[in-house]
Amino acid sequence: MGEKTEAQKKAQQKYMEKFAVARVRMDRDKYEAIQTHAESRGESVNGFINRAIEEAMEREKGEI
Protein backbone atom coordinates (compact mmCIF):
# COMPACT_ATOMS: atom_id res chain seq x y z
CA MET A 1 0.00 0.00 0.00
CA GLY A 2 1.31 3.44 -0.89
CA GLU A 3 1.83 6.64 0.99
CA LYS A 4 -1.29 8.37 2.34
CA THR A 5 -2.52 11.37 0.46
CA GLU A 6 -2.79 14.72 2.21
CA ALA A 7 -6.59 14.37 2.17
CA GLN A 8 -6.32 10.96 3.88
CA LYS A 9 -3.95 12.35 6.51
CA LYS A 10 -6.28 15.28 7.17
CA ALA A 11 -9.33 13.01 7.43
CA GLN A 12 -7.53 10.69 9.85
CA GLN A 13 -6.37 13.60 12.00
CA LYS A 14 -9.92 14.99 12.15
CA TYR A 15 -11.25 11.55 13.13
CA MET A 16 -8.64 11.06 15.86
CA GLU A 17 -9.38 14.49 17.38
CA LYS A 18 -12.73 13.07 18.58
CA PHE A 19 -10.95 10.77 21.03
CA ALA A 20 -9.05 11.15 24.28
CA VAL A 21 -6.29 8.69 25.11
CA ALA A 22 -6.18 7.03 28.54
CA ARG A 23 -3.10 4.98 29.29
CA VAL A 24 -3.47 2.09 31.71
CA ARG A 25 -0.53 0.32 33.30
CA MET A 26 -0.86 -3.34 34.28
CA ASP A 27 1.24 -6.44 34.64
CA ARG A 28 2.08 -8.06 31.32
CA ASP A 29 0.41 -11.30 32.51
CA LYS A 30 -2.84 -9.44 33.19
CA TYR A 31 -2.68 -7.74 29.78
CA GLU A 32 -2.14 -11.06 28.05
CA ALA A 33 -5.11 -12.56 29.93
CA ILE A 34 -7.29 -9.62 28.87
CA GLN A 35 -6.07 -9.93 25.28
CA THR A 36 -6.86 -13.66 25.20
CA HIS A 37 -10.30 -13.08 26.70
CA ALA A 38 -11.11 -10.21 24.34
CA GLU A 39 -10.00 -12.20 21.29
CA SER A 40 -12.13 -15.16 22.38
CA ARG A 41 -15.14 -12.82 22.26
CA GLY A 42 -14.14 -11.31 18.91
CA GLU A 43 -13.14 -7.99 20.50
CA SER A 44 -10.03 -5.87 20.59
CA VAL A 45 -8.41 -5.11 23.94
CA ASN A 46 -9.52 -1.50 23.53
CA GLY A 47 -13.09 -2.55 22.77
CA PHE A 48 -13.19 -4.92 25.73
CA ILE A 49 -11.84 -2.31 28.16
CA ASN A 50 -14.33 0.30 26.94
CA ARG A 51 -17.20 -2.19 27.28
CA ALA A 52 -16.07 -3.23 30.76
CA ILE A 53 -15.94 0.41 31.86
CA GLU A 54 -19.42 1.12 30.47
CA GLU A 55 -20.87 -1.97 32.16
CA ALA A 56 -19.25 -1.08 35.50
CA MET A 57 -20.52 2.51 35.32
CA GLU A 58 -24.05 1.34 34.49
CA ARG A 59 -23.99 -1.25 37.28
CA GLU A 60 -22.71 1.30 39.81
CA LYS A 61 -25.11 4.07 38.79
CA GLY A 62 -26.89 5.47 41.81
CA GLU A 63 -24.50 3.98 44.37
CA ILE A 64 -22.97 7.33 45.27
C-alpha atoms as a PDB file:
ATOM      1  CA  MET A   1       0.000   0.000   0.000  1.00  0.00           C
ATOM      2  CA  GLY A   2       1.307   3.436  -0.892  1.00  0.00           C
ATOM      3  CA  GLU A   3       1.825   6.639   0.993  1.00  0.00           C
ATOM      4  CA  LYS A   4      -1.291   8.366   2.343  1.00  0.00           C
ATOM      5  CA  THR A   5      -2.521  11.369   0.459  1.00  0.00           C
ATOM      6  CA  GLU A   6      -2.790  14.724   2.207  1.00  0.00           C
ATOM      7  CA  ALA A   7      -6.588  14.366   2.171  1.00  0.00           C
ATOM      8  CA  GLN A   8      -6.321  10.965   3.879  1.00  0.00           C
ATOM      9  CA  LYS A   9      -3.953  12.349   6.510  1.00  0.00           C
ATOM     10  CA  LYS A  10      -6.277  15.283   7.173  1.00  0.00           C
ATOM     11  CA  ALA A  11      -9.332  13.010   7.430  1.00  0.00           C
ATOM     12  CA  GLN A  12      -7.531  10.685   9.852  1.00  0.00           C
ATOM     13  CA  GLN A  13      -6.365  13.599  11.998  1.00  0.00           C
ATOM     14  CA  LYS A  14      -9.918  14.992  12.151  1.00  0.00           C
ATOM     15  CA  TYR A  15     -11.251  11.552  13.126  1.00  0.00           C
ATOM     16  CA  MET A  16      -8.642  11.063  15.864  1.00  0.00           C
ATOM     17  CA  GLU A  17      -9.383  14.485  17.378  1.00  0.00           C
ATOM     18  CA  LYS A  18     -12.725  13.075  18.575  1.00  0.00           C
ATOM     19  CA  PHE A  19     -10.951  10.770  21.035  1.00  0.00           C
ATOM     20  CA  ALA A  20      -9.046  11.149  24.277  1.00  0.00           C
ATOM     21  CA  VAL A  21      -6.295   8.691  25.112  1.00  0.00           C
ATOM     22  CA  ALA A  22      -6.185   7.034  28.535  1.00  0.00           C
ATOM     23  CA  ARG A  23      -3.098   4.985  29.289  1.00  0.00           C
ATOM     24  CA  VAL A  24      -3.465   2.088  31.706  1.00  0.00           C
ATOM     25  CA  ARG A  25      -0.531   0.318  33.295  1.00  0.00           C
ATOM     26  CA  MET A  26      -0.859  -3.335  34.282  1.00  0.00           C
ATOM     27  CA  ASP A  27       1.243  -6.441  34.641  1.00  0.00           C
ATOM     28  CA  ARG A  28       2.078  -8.061  31.323  1.00  0.00           C
ATOM     29  CA  ASP A  29       0.408 -11.299  32.507  1.00  0.00           C
ATOM     30  CA  LYS A  30      -2.845  -9.439  33.192  1.00  0.00           C
ATOM     31  CA  TYR A  31      -2.684  -7.736  29.780  1.00  0.00           C
ATOM     32  CA  GLU A  32      -2.141 -11.064  28.049  1.00  0.00           C
ATOM     33  CA  ALA A  33      -5.108 -12.564  29.930  1.00  0.00           C
ATOM     34  CA  ILE A  34      -7.287  -9.617  28.874  1.00  0.00           C
ATOM     35  CA  GLN A  35      -6.068  -9.929  25.285  1.00  0.00           C
ATOM     36  CA  THR A  36      -6.856 -13.656  25.204  1.00  0.00           C
ATOM     37  CA  HIS A  37     -10.304 -13.080  26.702  1.00  0.00           C
ATOM     38  CA  ALA A  38     -11.110 -10.207  24.339  1.00  0.00           C
ATOM     39  CA  GLU A  39      -9.999 -12.199  21.291  1.00  0.00           C
ATOM     40  CA  SER A  40     -12.126 -15.161  22.379  1.00  0.00           C
ATOM     41  CA  ARG A  41     -15.140 -12.822  22.265  1.00  0.00           C
ATOM     42  CA  GLY A  42     -14.138 -11.305  18.910  1.00  0.00           C
ATOM     43  CA  GLU A  43     -13.144  -7.986  20.498  1.00  0.00           C
ATOM     44  CA  SER A  44     -10.026  -5.874  20.593  1.00  0.00           C
ATOM     45  CA  VAL A  45      -8.409  -5.113  23.940  1.00  0.00           C
ATOM     46  CA  ASN A  46      -9.522  -1.498  23.533  1.00  0.00           C
ATOM     47  CA  GLY A  47     -13.091  -2.547  22.771  1.00  0.00           C
ATOM     48  CA  PHE A  48     -13.187  -4.920  25.731  1.00  0.00           C
ATOM     49  CA  ILE A  49     -11.842  -2.309  28.159  1.00  0.00           C
ATOM     50  CA  ASN A  50     -14.329   0.300  26.939  1.00  0.00           C
ATOM     51  CA  ARG A  51     -17.201  -2.189  27.276  1.00  0.00           C
ATOM     52  CA  ALA A  52     -16.074  -3.227  30.765  1.00  0.00           C
ATOM     53  CA  ILE A  53     -15.944   0.413  31.864  1.00  0.00           C
ATOM     54  CA  GLU A  54     -19.418   1.118  30.468  1.00  0.00           C
ATOM     55  CA  GLU A  55     -20.866  -1.967  32.159  1.00  0.00           C
ATOM     56  CA  ALA A  56     -19.251  -1.076  35.500  1.00  0.00           C
ATOM     57  CA  MET A  57     -20.518   2.513  35.318  1.00  0.00           C
ATOM     58  CA  GLU A  58     -24.050   1.341  34.492  1.00  0.00           C
ATOM     59  CA  ARG A  59     -23.987  -1.248  37.281  1.00  0.00           C
ATOM     60  CA  GLU A  60     -22.707   1.305  39.810  1.00  0.00           C
ATOM     61  CA  LYS A  61     -25.106   4.071  38.789  1.00  0.00           C
ATOM     62  CA  GLY A  62     -26.893   5.467  41.814  1.00  0.00           C
ATOM     63  CA  GLU A  63     -24.497   3.979  44.374  1.00  0.00           C
ATOM     64  CA  ILE A  64     -22.971   7.331  45.269  1.00  0.00           C
END
